[in-house]
Every structure is written in C-alpha cells, then in structure tokens.
C-alpha cells in the first residue's frame, strides 16, 4: 500500500498516510482542521534480482564484459608503434 504525504496549508505540518490508490485524497488536517495539499515526494525504489541494468550491465563482471587478453595485447602493440616522420617542404 502506498504512502502519501500531505502538507497543511494552515499549520504547515506534513502528514504521511497509508492509502489505497483507489482511496479519495485527504482534505482536512487532523491537527488544525486546515486544508491539505498532496505532496509529490521522492520514493525509495530499488530493483532486485537478475535481469536489471544494475545487476547485469552496470558493473564490470568477468562474464564477458571485457575484451579477451589477446585483443587487448594486439591493440596495445599497434597503438604503441612509432609513427613515421613527415618531411616538411622547405
């Protein structure tokens, strides 16, 4: 069941309420009987299990996310090769 936050426009208190999504929003403050305004708040949402970006693609694992050592070594050799000198016309 979701938790909703309401702020009283009169006393500025913030109230957290467990409500069904189908329930009507609250309209009066339980403390001062003032008018309530529904707030949009940050939710805590965490993906768990396999099949999500965080667990399968987010970090480096030894399951094939890095290129083979042969390819890395070949690339390193070609990148380190000296470049031919270019002669300038004088």
N, C-alpha and C. Protein backbone atom coordinates (compact mmCIF):
# COMPACT_ATOMS: atom_id res chain seq x y z
N UNK A 1 0.85 -1.16 0.00
CA UNK A 1 0.00 0.00 0.00
C UNK A 1 0.90 1.24 0.00
N UNK A 2 0.64 2.20 -0.88
CA UNK A 2 1.49 3.39 -0.97
C UNK A 2 1.36 4.33 0.23
N UNK A 3 2.42 5.07 0.46
CA UNK A 3 2.42 6.10 1.50
C UNK A 3 2.32 7.45 0.79
N UNK A 4 1.33 8.24 1.17
CA UNK A 4 1.15 9.57 0.60
C UNK A 4 1.49 10.62 1.64
N UNK A 5 2.01 11.75 1.17
CA UNK A 5 2.32 12.87 2.05
C UNK A 5 1.39 14.03 1.74
N UNK A 6 0.92 14.66 2.80
CA UNK A 6 0.05 15.83 2.69
C UNK A 6 0.64 16.94 3.55
N UNK A 7 0.57 18.17 3.06
CA UNK A 7 1.00 19.33 3.85
C UNK A 7 -0.21 20.21 4.13
N UNK A 8 -0.34 20.63 5.37
CA UNK A 8 -1.42 21.52 5.77
C UNK A 8 -1.05 22.93 5.34
N UNK A 9 -1.97 23.60 4.66
CA UNK A 9 -1.71 24.96 4.22
C UNK A 9 -1.82 25.96 5.37
N UNK A 10 -2.43 25.54 6.47
CA UNK A 10 -2.62 26.42 7.62
C UNK A 10 -1.45 26.31 8.61
N UNK A 11 -1.19 25.12 9.13
CA UNK A 11 -0.15 24.95 10.16
C UNK A 11 1.18 24.43 9.61
N UNK A 12 1.24 24.12 8.32
CA UNK A 12 2.46 23.66 7.62
C UNK A 12 2.98 22.32 8.10
N UNK A 13 2.15 21.55 8.80
CA UNK A 13 2.56 20.20 9.21
C UNK A 13 2.52 19.27 7.99
N UNK A 14 3.41 18.29 7.99
CA UNK A 14 3.41 17.27 6.94
C UNK A 14 2.97 15.96 7.56
N UNK A 15 1.99 15.34 6.91
CA UNK A 15 1.41 14.10 7.40
C UNK A 15 1.66 12.99 6.38
N UNK A 16 2.08 11.83 6.85
CA UNK A 16 2.23 10.65 6.00
C UNK A 16 1.07 9.71 6.27
N UNK A 17 0.44 9.21 5.20
CA UNK A 17 -0.76 8.39 5.34
C UNK A 17 -0.66 7.18 4.41
N UNK A 18 -0.95 5.98 4.95
CA UNK A 18 -1.08 4.79 4.13
C UNK A 18 -2.47 4.81 3.51
N UNK A 19 -2.53 4.78 2.18
CA UNK A 19 -3.81 4.79 1.48
C UNK A 19 -3.75 3.87 0.28
N UNK A 20 -4.90 3.32 -0.06
CA UNK A 20 -5.02 2.59 -1.32
C UNK A 20 -5.02 3.60 -2.45
N UNK A 21 -4.62 3.18 -3.62
CA UNK A 21 -4.62 4.07 -4.77
C UNK A 21 -6.03 4.50 -5.13
N UNK A 22 -7.01 3.68 -4.79
CA UNK A 22 -8.40 4.00 -5.11
C UNK A 22 -9.07 4.90 -4.07
N UNK A 23 -8.42 5.11 -2.91
CA UNK A 23 -8.99 5.98 -1.87
C UNK A 23 -8.98 7.44 -2.31
N UNK A 24 -9.96 8.18 -1.84
CA UNK A 24 -10.02 9.62 -2.12
C UNK A 24 -8.95 10.34 -1.31
N UNK A 25 -8.34 11.40 -1.88
CA UNK A 25 -7.32 12.14 -1.13
C UNK A 25 -7.90 12.83 0.10
N UNK A 26 -7.05 12.98 1.12
CA UNK A 26 -7.49 13.68 2.34
C UNK A 26 -7.62 15.17 2.04
N UNK A 27 -8.54 15.82 2.76
CA UNK A 27 -8.78 17.25 2.52
C UNK A 27 -8.60 18.12 3.75
N UNK A 28 -8.73 17.54 4.97
CA UNK A 28 -8.60 18.36 6.18
C UNK A 28 -7.51 17.82 7.09
N UNK A 29 -6.79 18.74 7.71
CA UNK A 29 -5.69 18.41 8.62
C UNK A 29 -6.26 17.82 9.91
N UNK A 30 -5.63 16.76 10.42
CA UNK A 30 -6.10 16.14 11.66
C UNK A 30 -5.70 16.97 12.89
N UNK A 31 -4.76 17.89 12.73
CA UNK A 31 -4.29 18.71 13.85
C UNK A 31 -5.07 20.02 14.00
N UNK A 32 -5.25 20.77 12.89
CA UNK A 32 -5.88 22.10 12.99
C UNK A 32 -7.13 22.25 12.12
N UNK A 33 -7.52 21.19 11.42
CA UNK A 33 -8.68 21.18 10.52
C UNK A 33 -8.48 22.10 9.31
N UNK A 34 -7.23 22.47 9.00
CA UNK A 34 -6.93 23.28 7.82
C UNK A 34 -6.97 22.44 6.55
N UNK A 35 -6.82 23.10 5.41
CA UNK A 35 -6.87 22.43 4.10
C UNK A 35 -5.53 21.74 3.82
N UNK A 36 -5.60 20.49 3.32
CA UNK A 36 -4.40 19.72 2.99
C UNK A 36 -4.09 19.79 1.50
N UNK A 37 -2.81 19.76 1.20
CA UNK A 37 -2.34 19.71 -0.18
C UNK A 37 -1.48 18.46 -0.31
N UNK A 38 -1.76 17.66 -1.33
CA UNK A 38 -0.99 16.43 -1.57
C UNK A 38 0.38 16.79 -2.11
N UNK A 39 1.43 16.17 -1.56
CA UNK A 39 2.80 16.44 -1.99
C UNK A 39 3.30 15.35 -2.93
N UNK A 40 4.20 15.72 -3.79
CA UNK A 40 4.90 14.75 -4.63
C UNK A 40 6.26 14.55 -3.99
N UNK A 41 6.53 13.35 -3.52
CA UNK A 41 7.76 13.11 -2.80
C UNK A 41 8.60 12.05 -3.50
N UNK A 42 9.86 12.03 -3.13
CA UNK A 42 10.83 11.07 -3.67
C UNK A 42 10.55 9.69 -3.07
N UNK A 43 10.44 8.71 -3.92
CA UNK A 43 10.20 7.36 -3.42
C UNK A 43 11.50 6.57 -3.37
N UNK A 44 11.54 5.59 -2.49
CA UNK A 44 12.69 4.70 -2.44
C UNK A 44 12.33 3.45 -3.23
N UNK A 45 12.99 3.29 -4.37
CA UNK A 45 12.68 2.20 -5.28
C UNK A 45 13.99 1.53 -5.63
N UNK A 46 14.08 0.24 -5.39
CA UNK A 46 15.32 -0.49 -5.64
C UNK A 46 15.01 -1.75 -6.42
N UNK A 47 15.69 -1.94 -7.54
CA UNK A 47 15.50 -3.14 -8.36
C UNK A 47 16.35 -4.26 -7.79
N UNK A 48 15.73 -5.41 -7.56
CA UNK A 48 16.46 -6.55 -7.03
C UNK A 48 16.28 -7.75 -7.97
N UNK A 49 17.24 -8.63 -7.95
CA UNK A 49 17.18 -9.83 -8.77
C UNK A 49 17.92 -9.64 -10.07
N UNK A 50 17.92 -10.67 -10.89
CA UNK A 50 18.63 -10.60 -12.17
C UNK A 50 17.71 -10.03 -13.25
N UNK A 51 18.32 -9.58 -14.31
CA UNK A 51 17.55 -9.05 -15.44
C UNK A 51 17.44 -7.55 -15.45
N UNK A 52 18.11 -6.85 -14.53
CA UNK A 52 18.07 -5.40 -14.47
C UNK A 52 19.43 -4.84 -14.83
N UNK A 53 19.47 -3.61 -15.29
CA UNK A 53 20.72 -2.96 -15.67
C UNK A 53 21.73 -2.97 -14.52
N UNK A 54 21.28 -2.73 -13.32
CA UNK A 54 22.18 -2.63 -12.17
C UNK A 54 22.91 -3.95 -11.94
N UNK A 55 22.24 -5.06 -12.08
CA UNK A 55 22.86 -6.35 -11.78
C UNK A 55 23.55 -6.98 -12.99
N UNK A 56 23.07 -6.72 -14.19
CA UNK A 56 23.61 -7.40 -15.35
C UNK A 56 24.56 -6.57 -16.21
N UNK A 57 24.38 -5.27 -16.28
CA UNK A 57 25.18 -4.46 -17.18
C UNK A 57 25.89 -3.30 -16.49
N UNK A 58 25.54 -2.98 -15.27
CA UNK A 58 26.06 -1.79 -14.61
C UNK A 58 27.51 -1.87 -14.20
N UNK A 59 27.97 -3.00 -13.75
CA UNK A 59 29.35 -3.12 -13.28
C UNK A 59 30.16 -4.02 -14.18
N UNK A 60 31.45 -4.07 -13.92
CA UNK A 60 32.29 -4.96 -14.71
C UNK A 60 32.33 -6.32 -14.03
N UNK A 61 31.95 -7.32 -14.77
CA UNK A 61 31.98 -8.70 -14.28
C UNK A 61 32.93 -9.49 -15.17
N UNK A 62 33.31 -10.66 -14.74
CA UNK A 62 34.19 -11.50 -15.55
C UNK A 62 33.41 -12.31 -16.57
N UNK A 63 32.17 -12.04 -16.74
CA UNK A 63 31.31 -12.80 -17.64
C UNK A 63 31.29 -12.29 -19.07
N UNK A 64 32.40 -11.75 -19.59
CA UNK A 64 32.45 -11.37 -20.99
C UNK A 64 32.30 -9.89 -21.24
N UNK A 65 32.30 -9.07 -20.22
CA UNK A 65 32.15 -7.64 -20.43
C UNK A 65 33.48 -6.98 -20.82
N UNK A 66 34.62 -7.70 -20.65
CA UNK A 66 35.91 -7.16 -21.04
C UNK A 66 36.41 -7.93 -22.25
N UNK A 67 37.16 -7.28 -23.15
CA UNK A 67 37.65 -7.98 -24.33
C UNK A 67 38.70 -9.02 -23.95
N UNK A 68 38.90 -10.04 -24.78
CA UNK A 68 39.91 -11.06 -24.49
C UNK A 68 41.30 -10.43 -24.42
N UNK A 69 42.21 -11.08 -23.67
CA UNK A 69 43.55 -10.54 -23.46
C UNK A 69 44.32 -10.42 -24.77
N UNK A 70 44.12 -11.37 -25.70
CA UNK A 70 44.82 -11.34 -26.98
C UNK A 70 44.49 -10.06 -27.73
N UNK A 71 43.23 -9.70 -27.77
CA UNK A 71 42.80 -8.49 -28.48
C UNK A 71 43.39 -7.26 -27.82
N UNK A 72 43.40 -7.22 -26.50
CA UNK A 72 43.94 -6.09 -25.78
C UNK A 72 45.44 -5.96 -26.03
N UNK A 73 46.17 -7.08 -26.03
CA UNK A 73 47.61 -7.05 -26.26
C UNK A 73 47.91 -6.61 -27.69
N UNK A 74 47.15 -7.09 -28.67
CA UNK A 74 47.37 -6.71 -30.07
C UNK A 74 47.10 -5.23 -30.26
N UNK A 75 46.06 -4.74 -29.63
CA UNK A 75 45.73 -3.32 -29.73
C UNK A 75 46.81 -2.47 -29.09
N UNK A 76 47.33 -2.92 -27.96
CA UNK A 76 48.38 -2.17 -27.27
C UNK A 76 49.64 -2.07 -28.13
N UNK A 77 49.99 -3.16 -28.82
CA UNK A 77 51.18 -3.15 -29.67
C UNK A 77 51.00 -2.19 -30.83
N UNK A 78 49.83 -2.22 -31.46
CA UNK A 78 49.62 -1.35 -32.61
C UNK A 78 49.51 0.12 -32.20
N UNK A 79 49.02 0.36 -31.01
CA UNK A 79 48.90 1.74 -30.53
C UNK A 79 50.25 2.31 -30.14
N UNK A 80 51.18 1.44 -29.71
CA UNK A 80 52.49 1.90 -29.28
C UNK A 80 53.49 2.00 -30.42
N UNK A 81 53.13 1.53 -31.62
CA UNK A 81 54.07 1.57 -32.75
C UNK A 81 54.38 3.02 -33.10
N UNK A 82 55.67 3.31 -33.35
CA UNK A 82 56.01 4.69 -33.69
C UNK A 82 55.43 5.08 -35.05
N UNK A 83 55.05 6.33 -35.17
CA UNK A 83 54.50 6.83 -36.43
C UNK A 83 55.66 7.33 -37.29
N UNK A 84 55.55 7.15 -38.61
CA UNK A 84 56.63 7.61 -39.49
C UNK A 84 56.72 9.14 -39.45
N UNK A 85 57.94 9.63 -39.56
CA UNK A 85 58.17 11.08 -39.56
C UNK A 85 57.69 11.68 -40.87
N UNK A 86 57.13 12.84 -40.81
CA UNK A 86 56.66 13.53 -42.01
C UNK A 86 57.65 14.64 -42.34
N UNK A 87 58.15 14.66 -43.60
CA UNK A 87 59.10 15.69 -44.00
C UNK A 87 58.33 16.91 -44.46
N UNK A 88 58.80 18.06 -44.06
CA UNK A 88 58.17 19.31 -44.49
C UNK A 88 58.94 19.86 -45.69
N UNK A 89 58.20 20.41 -46.63
CA UNK A 89 58.85 21.06 -47.77
C UNK A 89 59.39 22.40 -47.34
N UNK A 90 60.66 22.66 -47.69
CA UNK A 90 61.26 23.93 -47.28
C UNK A 90 61.34 24.88 -48.42
